[in-house]
Amino acid sequence: MLTAISIIILIICGLLALVVLAQNPKGGGLAAGFTGAQQIGGVQKTADFLEKGTWTLAGTLMVLCLISAGLQGGNATEVEDLEVIDATEEAAPAAEEGAAAPAGEAVPAEGQGATGEQQPG
């Protein structure tokens, strides 16, 4: 399903690029070649068709990208696996030191006893 959506997204991207390149930023585009034949009436409709096509393809592309992201984001086990890996990496150096303090207890600084008093030294 995700592969089909990706292929459709690529096709729409290509079509959108072609439609945008067919337009002229100053209002000419494909209609610019028909300036001598303005009586026909199809010149203005060409510009309208390209504009509507641009908006339709852009909207469709946005919706398909949101659907694709929703289908990909449904797998939360990868995030949980990453959290487990991070927790084991943080615990490993503390275990290697050997004399790690139990959780919740303060380690006295050098030259101080357990109560924090200065010991003669």
PDB file of N, CA and C in Angstrom:
ATOM      1  N   MET A   1       0.829  -1.193   0.000  1.00  0.00           N
ATOM      2  CA  MET A   1       0.000   0.000   0.000  1.00  0.00           C
ATOM      3  C   MET A   1       0.873   1.256   0.000  1.00  0.00           C
ATOM      4  N   LEU A   2       1.911   1.228   0.834  1.00  0.00           N
ATOM      5  CA  LEU A   2       2.790   2.383   0.934  1.00  0.00           C
ATOM      6  C   LEU A   2       3.584   2.589  -0.356  1.00  0.00           C
ATOM      7  N   THR A   3       3.946   1.498  -1.010  1.00  0.00           N
ATOM      8  CA  THR A   3       4.671   1.592  -2.275  1.00  0.00           C
ATOM      9  C   THR A   3       3.787   2.210  -3.355  1.00  0.00           C
ATOM     10  N   ALA A   4       2.527   1.822  -3.391  1.00  0.00           N
ATOM     11  CA  ALA A   4       1.602   2.372  -4.386  1.00  0.00           C
ATOM     12  C   ALA A   4       1.417   3.874  -4.176  1.00  0.00           C
ATOM     13  N   ILE A   5       1.299   4.299  -2.928  1.00  0.00           N
ATOM     14  CA  ILE A   5       1.144   5.726  -2.633  1.00  0.00           C
ATOM     15  C   ILE A   5       2.403   6.481  -3.039  1.00  0.00           C
ATOM     16  N   SER A   6       3.565   5.878  -2.803  1.00  0.00           N
ATOM     17  CA  SER A   6       4.819   6.535  -3.182  1.00  0.00           C
ATOM     18  C   SER A   6       4.929   6.700  -4.689  1.00  0.00           C
ATOM     19  N   ILE A   7       4.491   5.710  -5.437  1.00  0.00           N
ATOM     20  CA  ILE A   7       4.532   5.802  -6.899  1.00  0.00           C
ATOM     21  C   ILE A   7       3.571   6.884  -7.395  1.00  0.00           C
ATOM     22  N   ILE A   8       2.386   6.934  -6.805  1.00  0.00           N
ATOM     23  CA  ILE A   8       1.416   7.970  -7.184  1.00  0.00           C
ATOM     24  C   ILE A   8       1.963   9.366  -6.859  1.00  0.00           C
ATOM     25  N   ILE A   9       2.637   9.494  -5.716  1.00  0.00           N
ATOM     26  CA  ILE A   9       3.228  10.782  -5.338  1.00  0.00           C
ATOM     27  C   ILE A   9       4.272  11.207  -6.367  1.00  0.00           C
ATOM     28  N   LEU A  10       5.102  10.273  -6.813  1.00  0.00           N
ATOM     29  CA  LEU A  10       6.117  10.605  -7.817  1.00  0.00           C
ATOM     30  C   LEU A  10       5.491  11.027  -9.144  1.00  0.00           C
ATOM     31  N   ILE A  11       4.423  10.345  -9.549  1.00  0.00           N
ATOM     32  CA  ILE A  11       3.732  10.707 -10.789  1.00  0.00           C
ATOM     33  C   ILE A  11       3.133  12.111 -10.676  1.00  0.00           C
ATOM     34  N   ILE A  12       2.502  12.404  -9.547  1.00  0.00           N
ATOM     35  CA  ILE A  12       1.896  13.721  -9.348  1.00  0.00           C
ATOM     36  C   ILE A  12       2.970  14.802  -9.317  1.00  0.00           C
ATOM     37  N   CYS A  13       4.129  14.499  -8.719  1.00  0.00           N
ATOM     38  CA  CYS A  13       5.232  15.480  -8.714  1.00  0.00           C
ATOM     39  C   CYS A  13       5.678  15.802 -10.140  1.00  0.00           C
ATOM     40  N   GLY A  14       5.794  14.787 -10.975  1.00  0.00           N
ATOM     41  CA  GLY A  14       6.175  15.015 -12.370  1.00  0.00           C
ATOM     42  C   GLY A  14       5.146  15.838 -13.111  1.00  0.00           C
ATOM     43  N   LEU A  15       3.869  15.500 -12.938  1.00  0.00           N
ATOM     44  CA  LEU A  15       2.804  16.259 -13.595  1.00  0.00           C
ATOM     45  C   LEU A  15       2.756  17.706 -13.114  1.00  0.00           C
ATOM     46  N   LEU A  16       2.950  17.887 -11.813  1.00  0.00           N
ATOM     47  CA  LEU A  16       2.931  19.235 -11.255  1.00  0.00           C
ATOM     48  C   LEU A  16       4.083  20.063 -11.806  1.00  0.00           C
ATOM     49  N   ALA A  17       5.244  19.453 -11.955  1.00  0.00           N
ATOM     50  CA  ALA A  17       6.377  20.173 -12.534  1.00  0.00           C
ATOM     51  C   ALA A  17       6.084  20.584 -13.972  1.00  0.00           C
ATOM     52  N   LEU A  18       5.486  19.681 -14.746  1.00  0.00           N
ATOM     53  CA  LEU A  18       5.161  20.008 -16.135  1.00  0.00           C
ATOM     54  C   LEU A  18       4.128  21.130 -16.228  1.00  0.00           C
ATOM     55  N   VAL A  19       3.110  21.077 -15.383  1.00  0.00           N
ATOM     56  CA  VAL A  19       2.063  22.107 -15.413  1.00  0.00           C
ATOM     57  C   VAL A  19       2.633  23.457 -15.009  1.00  0.00           C
ATOM     58  N   VAL A  20       3.504  23.468 -14.009  1.00  0.00           N
ATOM     59  CA  VAL A  20       4.088  24.736 -13.570  1.00  0.00           C
ATOM     60  C   VAL A  20       5.020  25.296 -14.637  1.00  0.00           C
ATOM     61  N   LEU A  21       5.789  24.427 -15.276  1.00  0.00           N
ATOM     62  CA  LEU A  21       6.699  24.907 -16.322  1.00  0.00           C
ATOM     63  C   LEU A  21       5.961  25.384 -17.566  1.00  0.00           C
ATOM     64  N   ALA A  22       4.750  24.905 -17.786  1.00  0.00           N
ATOM     65  CA  ALA A  22       3.970  25.340 -18.941  1.00  0.00           C
ATOM     66  C   ALA A  22       3.402  26.739 -18.745  1.00  0.00           C
ATOM     67  N   GLN A  23       3.369  27.202 -17.503  1.00  0.00           N
ATOM     68  CA  GLN A  23       2.824  28.525 -17.220  1.00  0.00           C
ATOM     69  C   GLN A  23       3.917  29.576 -17.325  1.00  0.00           C
ATOM     70  N   ASN A  24       3.511  30.776 -17.649  1.00  0.00           N
ATOM     71  CA  ASN A  24       4.420  31.912 -17.698  1.00  0.00           C
ATOM     72  C   ASN A  24       4.133  32.773 -16.478  1.00  0.00           C
ATOM     73  N   PRO A  25       5.149  33.180 -15.734  1.00  0.00           N
ATOM     74  CA  PRO A  25       4.883  33.971 -14.528  1.00  0.00           C
ATOM     75  C   PRO A  25       4.220  35.315 -14.811  1.00  0.00           C
ATOM     76  N   LYS A  26       4.276  35.787 -16.036  1.00  0.00           N
ATOM     77  CA  LYS A  26       3.652  37.067 -16.371  1.00  0.00           C
ATOM     78  C   LYS A  26       2.292  36.892 -17.029  1.00  0.00           C
ATOM     79  N   GLY A  27       1.756  35.695 -16.992  1.00  0.00           N
ATOM     80  CA  GLY A  27       0.416  35.481 -17.513  1.00  0.00           C
ATOM     81  C   GLY A  27       0.364  34.979 -18.939  1.00  0.00           C
ATOM     82  N   GLY A  28       1.500  34.735 -19.572  1.00  0.00           N
ATOM     83  CA  GLY A  28       1.501  34.275 -20.956  1.00  0.00           C
ATOM     84  C   GLY A  28       1.336  32.765 -21.039  1.00  0.00           C
ATOM     85  N   GLY A  29       2.407  32.032 -20.838  1.00  0.00           N
ATOM     86  CA  GLY A  29       2.379  30.581 -20.879  1.00  0.00           C
ATOM     87  C   GLY A  29       1.978  30.055 -22.240  1.00  0.00           C
ATOM     88  N   LEU A  30       1.170  29.020 -22.264  1.00  0.00           N
ATOM     89  CA  LEU A  30       0.713  28.445 -23.517  1.00  0.00           C
ATOM     90  C   LEU A  30      -0.207  29.403 -24.270  1.00  0.00           C
ATOM     91  N   ALA A  31      -0.870  30.277 -23.543  1.00  0.00           N
ATOM     92  CA  ALA A  31      -1.784  31.218 -24.187  1.00  0.00           C
ATOM     93  C   ALA A  31      -1.038  32.318 -24.946  1.00  0.00           C
ATOM     94  N   ALA A  32       0.256  32.511 -24.689  1.00  0.00           N
ATOM     95  CA  ALA A  32       1.011  33.587 -25.339  1.00  0.00           C
ATOM     96  C   ALA A  32       1.169  33.351 -26.842  1.00  0.00           C
ATOM     97  N   GLY A  33       1.173  32.105 -27.273  1.00  0.00           N
ATOM     98  CA  GLY A  33       1.326  31.812 -28.690  1.00  0.00           C
ATOM     99  C   GLY A  33       0.082  32.105 -29.498  1.00  0.00           C
ATOM    100  N   PHE A  34      -1.025  32.313 -28.849  1.00  0.00           N
ATOM    101  CA  PHE A  34      -2.299  32.542 -29.537  1.00  0.00           C
ATOM    102  C   PHE A  34      -2.745  33.993 -29.438  1.00  0.00           C
ATOM    103  N   THR A  35      -1.828  34.922 -29.352  1.00  0.00           N
ATOM    104  CA  THR A  35      -2.207  36.330 -29.174  1.00  0.00           C
ATOM    105  C   THR A  35      -2.943  36.889 -30.384  1.00  0.00           C
ATOM    106  N   GLY A  36      -2.657  36.382 -31.587  1.00  0.00           N
ATOM    107  CA  GLY A  36      -3.332  36.880 -32.786  1.00  0.00           C
ATOM    108  C   GLY A  36      -4.728  36.305 -32.946  1.00  0.00           C
ATOM    109  N   ALA A  37      -5.011  35.224 -32.262  1.00  0.00           N
ATOM    110  CA  ALA A  37      -6.304  34.558 -32.421  1.00  0.00           C
ATOM    111  C   ALA A  37      -7.129  34.664 -31.143  1.00  0.00           C
ATOM    112  N   GLN A  38      -7.300  35.857 -30.629  1.00  0.00           N
ATOM    113  CA  GLN A  38      -8.029  36.038 -29.383  1.00  0.00           C
ATOM    114  C   GLN A  38      -9.528  35.886 -29.562  1.00  0.00           C
ATOM    115  N   GLN A  39     -10.006  35.814 -30.806  1.00  0.00           N
ATOM    116  CA  GLN A  39     -11.433  35.660 -31.032  1.00  0.00           C
ATOM    117  C   GLN A  39     -11.892  34.233 -30.701  1.00  0.00           C
ATOM    118  N   ILE A  40     -10.971  33.309 -30.668  1.00  0.00           N
ATOM    119  CA  ILE A  40     -11.352  31.903 -30.479  1.00  0.00           C
ATOM    120  C   ILE A  40     -11.961  31.675 -29.097  1.00  0.00           C
ATOM    121  N   GLY A  41     -11.420  32.286 -28.067  1.00  0.00           N
ATOM    122  CA  GLY A  41     -11.976  32.123 -26.724  1.00  0.00           C
ATOM    123  C   GLY A  41     -11.326  30.999 -25.943  1.00  0.00           C
ATOM    124  N   GLY A  42     -10.518  30.156 -26.573  1.00  0.00           N
ATOM    125  CA  GLY A  42      -9.869  29.067 -25.862  1.00  0.00           C
ATOM    126  C   GLY A  42      -8.587  29.483 -25.177  1.00  0.00           C
ATOM    127  N   VAL A  43      -8.118  30.694 -25.457  1.00  0.00           N
ATOM    128  CA  VAL A  43      -6.861  31.161 -24.887  1.00  0.00           C
ATOM    129  C   VAL A  43      -6.987  31.343 -23.383  1.00  0.00           C
ATOM    130  N   GLN A  44      -8.029  32.008 -22.955  1.00  0.00           N
ATOM    131  CA  GLN A  44      -8.219  32.244 -21.529  1.00  0.00           C
ATOM    132  C   GLN A  44      -8.508  30.941 -20.802  1.00  0.00           C
ATOM    133  N   LYS A  45      -9.204  30.027 -21.454  1.00  0.00           N
ATOM    134  CA  LYS A  45      -9.522  28.763 -20.820  1.00  0.00           C
ATOM    135  C   LYS A  45      -8.279  27.911 -20.614  1.00  0.00           C
ATOM    136  N   THR A  46      -7.275  28.067 -21.475  1.00  0.00           N
ATOM    137  CA  THR A  46      -6.027  27.331 -21.292  1.00  0.00           C
ATOM    138  C   THR A  46      -5.340  27.767 -20.012  1.00  0.00           C
ATOM    139  N   ALA A  47      -5.273  29.060 -19.761  1.00  0.00           N
ATOM    140  CA  ALA A  47      -4.652  29.568 -18.543  1.00  0.00           C
ATOM    141  C   ALA A  47      -5.440  29.133 -17.314  1.00  0.00           C
ATOM    142  N   ASP A  48      -6.775  29.168 -17.400  1.00  0.00           N
ATOM    143  CA  ASP A  48      -7.599  28.728 -16.278  1.00  0.00           C
ATOM    144  C   ASP A  48      -7.402  27.242 -16.005  1.00  0.00           C
ATOM    145  N   PHE A  49      -7.308  26.448 -17.061  1.00  0.00           N
ATOM    146  CA  PHE A  49      -7.106  25.011 -16.896  1.00  0.00           C
ATOM    147  C   PHE A  49      -5.770  24.718 -16.209  1.00  0.00           C
ATOM    148  N   LEU A  50      -4.727  25.426 -16.620  1.00  0.00           N
ATOM    149  CA  LEU A  50      -3.414  25.211 -16.008  1.00  0.00           C
ATOM    150  C   LEU A  50      -3.409  25.630 -14.546  1.00  0.00           C
ATOM    151  N   GLU A  51      -4.087  26.727 -14.235  1.00  0.00           N
ATOM    152  CA  GLU A  51      -4.141  27.179 -12.843  1.00  0.00           C
ATOM    153  C   GLU A  51      -4.926  26.196 -11.977  1.00  0.00           C
ATOM    154  N   LYS A  52      -6.076  25.752 -12.470  1.00  0.00           N
ATOM    155  CA  LYS A  52      -6.869  24.777 -11.712  1.00  0.00           C
ATOM    156  C   LYS A  52      -6.127  23.447 -11.585  1.00  0.00           C
ATOM    157  N   GLY A  53      -5.418  23.069 -12.643  1.00  0.00           N
ATOM    158  CA  GLY A  53      -4.627  21.843 -12.582  1.00  0.00           C
ATOM    159  C   GLY A  53      -3.513  21.934 -11.558  1.00  0.00           C
ATOM    160  N   THR A  54      -2.893  23.100 -11.463  1.00  0.00           N
ATOM    161  CA  THR A  54      -1.827  23.301 -10.481  1.00  0.00           C
ATOM    162  C   THR A  54      -2.361  23.145  -9.067  1.00  0.00           C
ATOM    163  N   TRP A  55      -3.479  23.804  -8.779  1.00  0.00           N
ATOM    164  CA  TRP A  55      -4.046  23.734  -7.434  1.00  0.00           C
ATOM    165  C   TRP A  55      -4.537  22.322  -7.112  1.00  0.00           C
ATOM    166  N   THR A  56      -5.127  21.648  -8.083  1.00  0.00           N
ATOM    167  CA  THR A  56      -5.619  20.288  -7.853  1.00  0.00           C
ATOM    168  C   THR A  56      -4.471  19.323  -7.583  1.00  0.00           C
ATOM    169  N   LEU A  57      -3.431  19.404  -8.400  1.00  0.00           N
ATOM    170  CA  LEU A  57      -2.285  18.516  -8.200  1.00  0.00           C
ATOM    171  C   LEU A  57      -1.564  18.814  -6.888  1.00  0.00           C
ATOM    172  N   ALA A  58      -1.441  20.089  -6.529  1.00  0.00           N
ATOM    173  CA  ALA A  58      -0.783  20.445  -5.273  1.00  0.00           C
ATOM    174  C   ALA A  58      -1.580  19.946  -4.071  1.00  0.00           C
ATOM    175  N   GLY A  59      -2.897  20.098  -4.126  1.00  0.00           N
ATOM    176  CA  GLY A  59      -3.738  19.602  -3.032  1.00  0.00           C
ATOM    177  C   GLY A  59      -3.695  18.088  -2.912  1.00  0.00           C
ATOM    178  N   THR A  60      -3.739  17.411  -4.047  1.00  0.00           N
ATOM    179  CA  THR A  60      -3.672  15.955  -4.046  1.00  0.00           C
ATOM    180  C   THR A  60      -2.326  15.482  -3.511  1.00  0.00           C
ATOM    181  N   LEU A  61      -1.259  16.163  -3.892  1.00  0.00           N
ATOM    182  CA  LEU A  61       0.072  15.811  -3.405  1.00  0.00           C
ATOM    183  C   LEU A  61       0.161  15.969  -1.894  1.00  0.00           C
ATOM    184  N   MET A  62      -0.397  17.049  -1.368  1.00  0.00           N
ATOM    185  CA  MET A  62      -0.366  17.274   0.068  1.00  0.00           C
ATOM    186  C   MET A  62      -1.129  16.193   0.820  1.00  0.00           C
ATOM    187  N   VAL A  63      -2.312  15.845   0.327  1.00  0.00           N
ATOM    188  CA  VAL A  63      -3.121  14.813   0.986  1.00  0.00           C
ATOM    189  C   VAL A  63      -2.412  13.457   0.953  1.00  0.00           C
ATOM    190  N   LEU A  64      -1.832  13.109  -0.181  1.00  0.00           N
ATOM    191  CA  LEU A  64      -1.132  11.836  -0.282  1.00  0.00           C
ATOM    192  C   LEU A  64       0.107  11.794   0.613  1.00  0.00           C
ATOM    193  N   CYS A  65       0.799  12.907   0.747  1.00  0.00           N
ATOM    194  CA  CYS A  65       1.954  12.949   1.650  1.00  0.00           C
ATOM    195  C   CYS A  65       1.527  12.771   3.106  1.00  0.00           C
ATOM    196  N   LEU A  66       0.407  13.368   3.480  1.00  0.00           N
ATOM    197  CA  LEU A  66      -0.099  13.193   4.842  1.00  0.00           C
ATOM    198  C   LEU A  66      -0.524  11.751   5.088  1.00  0.00           C
ATOM    199  N   ILE A  67      -1.173  11.132   4.115  1.00  0.00           N
ATOM    200  CA  ILE A  67      -1.569   9.730   4.245  1.00  0.00           C
ATOM    201  C   ILE A  67      -0.334   8.844   4.366  1.00  0.00           C
ATOM    202  N   SER A  68       0.664   9.104   3.545  1.00  0.00           N
ATOM    203  CA  SER A  68       1.899   8.322   3.582  1.00  0.00           C
ATOM    204  C   SER A  68       2.601   8.465   4.929  1.00  0.00           C
ATOM    205  N   ALA A  69       2.658   9.668   5.459  1.00  0.00           N
ATOM    206  CA  ALA A  69       3.289   9.890   6.755  1.00  0.00           C
ATOM    207  C   ALA A  69       2.504   9.199   7.863  1.00  0.00           C
ATOM    208  N   GLY A  70       1.191   9.196   7.761  1.00  0.00           N
ATOM    209  CA  GLY A  70       0.373   8.516   8.761  1.00  0.00           C
ATOM    210  C   GLY A  70       0.578   7.013   8.750  1.00  0.00           C
ATOM    211  N   LEU A  71       0.742   6.446   7.563  1.00  0.00           N
ATOM    212  CA  LEU A  71       0.986   5.011   7.476  1.00  0.00           C
ATOM    213  C   LEU A  71       2.371   4.644   7.975  1.00  0.00           C
ATOM    214  N   GLN A  72       3.343   5.495   7.763  1.00  0.00           N
ATOM    215  CA  GLN A  72       4.702   5.215   8.227  1.00  0.00           C
ATOM    216  C   GLN A  72       4.843   5.439   9.718  1.00  0.00           C
ATOM    217  N   GLY A  73       4.133   6.392  10.282  1.00  0.00           N
ATOM    218  CA  GLY A  73       4.267   6.724  11.698  1.00  0.00           C
ATOM    219  C   GLY A  73       3.532   5.776  12.626  1.00  0.00           C
ATOM    220  N   GLY A  74       2.854   4.778  12.107  1.00  0.00           N
ATOM    221  CA  GLY A  74       2.090   3.865  12.960  1.00  0.00           C
ATOM    222  C   GLY A  74       2.929   2.849  13.702  1.00  0.00           C
ATOM    223  N   ASN A  75       4.227   2.745  13.438  1.00  0.00           N
ATOM    224  CA  ASN A  75       5.084   1.751  14.062  1.00  0.00           C
ATOM    225  C   ASN A  75       5.827   2.383  15.226  1.00  0.00           C
ATOM    226  N   ALA A  76       5.300   2.241  16.452  1.00  0.00           N
ATOM    227  CA  ALA A  76       5.901   2.853  17.631  1.00  0.00           C
ATOM    228  C   ALA A  76       6.942   1.958  18.281  1.00  0.00           C
ATOM    229  N   THR A  77       7.081   0.706  17.862  1.00  0.00           N
ATOM    230  CA  THR A  77       8.048  -0.186  18.490  1.00  0.00           C
ATOM    231  C   THR A  77       9.477   0.251  18.203  1.00  0.00           C
ATOM    232  N   GLU A  78       9.740   0.908  17.083  1.00  0.00           N
ATOM    233  CA  GLU A  78      11.086   1.376  16.788  1.00  0.00           C
ATOM    234  C   GLU A  78      11.530   2.418  17.809  1.00  0.00           C
ATOM    235  N   VAL A  79      10.649   3.304  18.215  1.00  0.00           N
ATOM    236  CA  VAL A  79      10.981   4.320  19.205  1.00  0.00           C
ATOM    237  C   VAL A  79      11.264   3.662  20.544  1.00  0.00           C
ATOM    238  N   GLU A  80      10.468   2.671  20.932  1.00  0.00           N
ATOM    239  CA  GLU A  80      10.698   1.970  22.190  1.00  0.00           C
ATOM    240  C   GLU A  80      12.022   1.234  22.166  1.00  0.00           C
ATOM    241  N   ASP A  81      12.396   0.637  21.031  1.00  0.00           N
ATOM    242  CA  ASP A  81      13.676  -0.053  20.914  1.00  0.00           C
ATOM    243  C   ASP A  81      14.834   0.927  21.090  1.00  0.00           C
ATOM    244  N   LEU A  82      14.703   2.124  20.527  1.00  0.00           N
ATOM    245  CA  LEU A  82      15.752   3.121  20.680  1.00  0.00           C
ATOM    246  C   LEU A  82      15.902   3.550  22.131  1.00  0.00           C
ATOM    247  N   GLU A  83      14.797   3.680  22.861  1.00  0.00           N
ATOM    248  CA  GLU A  83      14.860   4.058  24.266  1.00  0.00           C
ATOM    249  C   GLU A  83      15.546   2.981  25.086  1.00  0.00           C
ATOM    250  N   VAL A  84      15.307   1.715  24.779  1.00  0.00           N
ATOM    251  CA  VAL A  84      15.954   0.620  25.503  1.00  0.00           C
ATOM    252  C   VAL A  84      17.454   0.631  25.240  1.00  0.00           C
ATOM    253  N   ILE A  85      17.863   0.884  24.007  1.00  0.00           N
ATOM    254  CA  ILE A  85      19.285   0.933  23.663  1.00  0.00           C
ATOM    255  C   ILE A  85      19.960   2.080  24.414  1.00  0.00           C
ATOM    256  N   ASP A  86      19.334   3.245  24.465  1.00  0.00           N
ATOM    257  CA  ASP A  86      19.912   4.379  25.173  1.00  0.00           C
ATOM    258  C   ASP A  86      20.059   4.086  26.654  1.00  0.00           C
ATOM    259  N   ALA A  87      19.079   3.425  27.263  1.00  0.00           N
ATOM    260  CA  ALA A  87      19.133   3.124  28.688  1.00  0.00           C
ATOM    261  C   ALA A  87      20.258   2.138  28.994  1.00  0.00           C
ATOM    262  N   THR A  88      20.475   1.151  28.140  1.00  0.00           N
ATOM    263  CA  THR A  88      21.543   0.180  28.397  1.00  0.00           C
ATOM    264  C   THR A  88      22.914   0.804  28.186  1.00  0.00           C
ATOM    265  N   GLU A  89      23.046   1.735  27.258  1.00  0.00           N
ATOM    266  CA  GLU A  89      24.327   2.404  27.050  1.00  0.00           C
ATOM    267  C   GLU A  89      24.686   3.299  28.227  1.00  0.00           C
ATOM    268  N   GLU A  90      23.701   3.929  28.858  1.00  0.00           N
ATOM    269  CA  GLU A  90      23.961   4.783  30.007  1.00  0.00           C
ATOM    270  C   GLU A  90      24.292   3.952  31.244  1.00  0.00           C
ATOM    271  N   ALA A  91      23.715   2.775  31.381  1.00  0.00           N
ATOM    272  CA  ALA A  91      23.956   1.937  32.548  1.00  0.00           C
ATOM    273  C   ALA A  91      25.287   1.210  32.457  1.00  0.00           C
ATOM    274  N   ALA A  92      25.793   0.942  31.272  1.00  0.00           N
ATOM    275  CA  ALA A  92      27.020   0.170  31.093  1.00  0.00           C
ATOM    276  C   ALA A  92      28.248   0.858  31.682  1.00  0.00           C
ATOM    277  N   PRO A  93      28.508   2.147  31.492  1.00  0.00           N
ATOM    278  CA  PRO A  93      29.708   2.752  32.085  1.00  0.00           C
ATOM    279  C   PRO A  93      29.663   2.761  33.608  1.00  0.00           C
ATOM    280  N   ALA A  94      28.501   2.917  34.209  1.00  0.00           N
ATOM    281  CA  ALA A  94      28.399   2.922  35.662  1.00  0.00           C
ATOM    282  C   ALA A  94      28.729   1.551  36.229  1.00  0.00           C
ATOM    283  N   ALA A  95      28.369   0.505  35.557  1.00  0.00           N
ATOM    284  CA  ALA A  95      28.648  -0.852  36.027  1.00  0.00           C
ATOM    285  C   ALA A  95      30.131  -1.177  35.880  1.00  0.00           C
ATOM    286  N   GLU A  96      30.802  -0.592  34.905  1.00  0.00           N
ATOM    287  CA  GLU A  96      32.213  -0.868  34.696  1.00  0.00           C
ATOM    288  C   GLU A  96      33.084  -0.230  35.768  1.00  0.00           C
ATOM    289  N   GLU A  97      32.654   0.870  36.370  1.00  0.00           N
ATOM    290  CA  GLU A  97      33.445   1.543  37.395  1.00  0.00           C
ATOM    291  C   GLU A  97      33.534   0.723  38.662  1.00  0.00           C
ATOM    292  N   GLY A  98      32.600  -0.137  38.905  1.00  0.00           N
ATOM    293  CA  GLY A  98      32.662  -1.036  40.048  1.00  0.00           C
ATOM    294  C   GLY A  98      32.083  -0.443  41.306  1.00  0.00           C
ATOM    295  N   ALA A  99      32.557   0.670  41.777  1.00  0.00           N
ATOM    296  CA  ALA A  99      32.141   1.218  43.060  1.00  0.00           C
ATOM    297  C   ALA A  99      31.096   2.309  42.859  1.00  0.00           C
ATOM    298  N   ALA A 100      30.082   2.014  42.147  1.00  0.00           N
ATOM    299  CA  ALA A 100      29.026   2.999  41.930  1.00  0.00           C
ATOM    300  C   ALA A 100      28.117   3.035  43.147  1.00  0.00           C
ATOM    301  N   ALA A 101      27.659   4.215  43.506  1.00  0.00           N
ATOM    302  CA  ALA A 101      26.770   4.367  44.662  1.00  0.00           C
ATOM    303  C   ALA A 101      25.380   3.877  44.298  1.00  0.00           C
ATOM    304  N   PRO A 102      24.674   3.271  45.242  1.00  0.00           N
ATOM    305  CA  PRO A 102      23.290   2.873  44.979  1.00  0.00           C
ATOM    306  C   PRO A 102      22.446   4.102  44.679  1.00  0.00           C
ATOM    307  N   ALA A 103      21.389   3.894  43.950  1.00  0.00           N
ATOM    308  CA  ALA A 103      20.520   4.998  43.549  1.00  0.00           C
ATOM    309  C   ALA A 103      19.929   5.679  44.768  1.00  0.00           C
ATOM    310  N   GLY A 104      19.950   6.985  44.789  1.00  0.00           N
ATOM    311  CA  GLY A 104      19.340   7.754  45.863  1.00  0.00           C
ATOM    312  C   GLY A 104      20.315   8.125  46.962  1.00  0.00           C
ATOM    313  N   GLU A 105      21.539   7.592  46.970  1.00  0.00           N
ATOM    314  CA  GLU A 105      22.513   7.924  48.003  1.00  0.00           C
ATOM    315  C   GLU A 105      23.576   8.830  47.422  1.00  0.00           C
ATOM    316  N   ALA A 106      24.020   9.774  48.223  1.00  0.00           N
ATOM    317  CA  ALA A 106      25.050  10.695  47.782  1.00  0.00           C
ATOM    318  C   ALA A 106      26.416  10.078  48.012  1.00  0.00           C
ATOM    319  N   VAL A 107      27.320  10.339  47.108  1.00  0.00           N
ATOM    320  CA  VAL A 107      28.691   9.855  47.245  1.00  0.00           C
ATOM    321  C   VAL A 107      29.491  10.946  47.936  1.00  0.00           C
ATOM    322  N   PRO A 108      30.163  10.639  49.072  1.00  0.00           N
ATOM    323  CA  PRO A 108      30.925  11.690  49.757  1.00  0.00           C
ATOM    324  C   PRO A 108      32.143  12.104  48.933  1.00  0.00           C
ATOM    325  N   ALA A 109      32.454  13.374  49.019  1.00  0.00           N
ATOM    326  CA  ALA A 109      33.622  13.889  48.309  1.00  0.00           C
ATOM    327  C   ALA A 109      34.882  13.434  49.021  1.00  0.00           C
ATOM    328  N   GLU A 110      36.031  13.543  48.365  1.00  0.00           N
ATOM    329  CA  GLU A 110      37.287  13.131  48.977  1.00  0.00           C
ATOM    330  C   GLU A 110      37.581  13.998  50.197  1.00  0.00           C
ATOM    331  N   GLY A 111      38.006  13.358  51.241  1.00  0.00           N
ATOM    332  CA  GLY A 111      38.331  14.102  52.451  1.00  0.00           C
ATOM    333  C   GLY A 111      37.132  14.336  53.349  1.00  0.00           C
ATOM    334  N   GLN A 112      35.958  13.834  53.017  1.00  0.00           N
ATOM    335  CA  GLN A 112      34.768  14.014  53.839  1.00  0.00           C
ATOM    336  C   GLN A 112      34.205  12.652  54.195  1.00  0.00           C
ATOM    337  N   GLY A 113      33.592  12.552  55.350  1.00  0.00           N
ATOM    338  CA  GLY A 113      32.954  11.325  55.780  1.00  0.00           C
ATOM    339  C   GLY A 113      31.551  11.255  55.227  1.00  0.00           C
ATOM    340  N   ALA A 114      30.806  10.258  55.703  1.00  0.00           N
ATOM    341  CA  ALA A 114      29.448  10.056  55.221  1.00  0.00           C
ATOM    342  C   ALA A 114      28.528  11.179  55.661  1.00  0.00           C
ATOM    343  N   THR A 115      28.874  11.853  56.771  1.00  0.00           N
ATOM    344  CA  THR A 115      28.010  12.935  57.253  1.00  0.00           C
ATOM    345  C   THR A 115      28.407  14.277  56.669  1.00  0.00           C
ATOM    346  N   GLY A 116      29.474  14.304  55.873  1.00  0.00           N
ATOM    347  CA  GLY A 116      29.896  15.551  55.260  1.00  0.00           C
ATOM    348  C   GLY A 116      30.885  16.324  56.087  1.00  0.00           C
ATOM    349  N   GLU A 117      31.335  15.755  57.247  1.00  0.00           N
ATOM    350  CA  GLU A 117      32.300  16.442  58.106  1.00  0.00           C
ATOM    351  C   GLU A 117      33.704  16.259  57.550  1.00  0.00           C
ATOM    352  N   GLN A 118      34.552  17.225  57.832  1.00  0.00           N
ATOM    353  CA  GLN A 118      35.928  17.166  57.378  1.00  0.00           C
ATOM    354  C   GLN A 118      36.686  16.159  58.228  1.00  0.00           C
ATOM    355  N   GLN A 119      37.362  15.225  57.633  1.00  0.00           N
ATOM    356  CA  GLN A 119      38.150  14.236  58.358  1.00  0.00           C
ATOM    357  C   GLN A 119      39.605  14.685  58.389  1.00  0.00           C
ATOM    358  N   PRO A 120      40.274  14.416  59.466  1.00  0.00           N
ATOM    359  CA  PRO A 120      41.693  14.796  59.527  1.00  0.00           C
ATOM    360  C   PRO A 120      42.486  13.981  58.521  1.00  0.00           C
ATOM    361  N   GLY A 121      43.404  14.588  57.874  1.00  0.00           N
ATOM    362  CA  GLY A 121      43.991  13.826  56.843  1.00  0.00           C
ATOM    363  C   GLY A 121      45.370  13.911  56.595  1.00  0.00           C
TER     364      GLY A 121
END
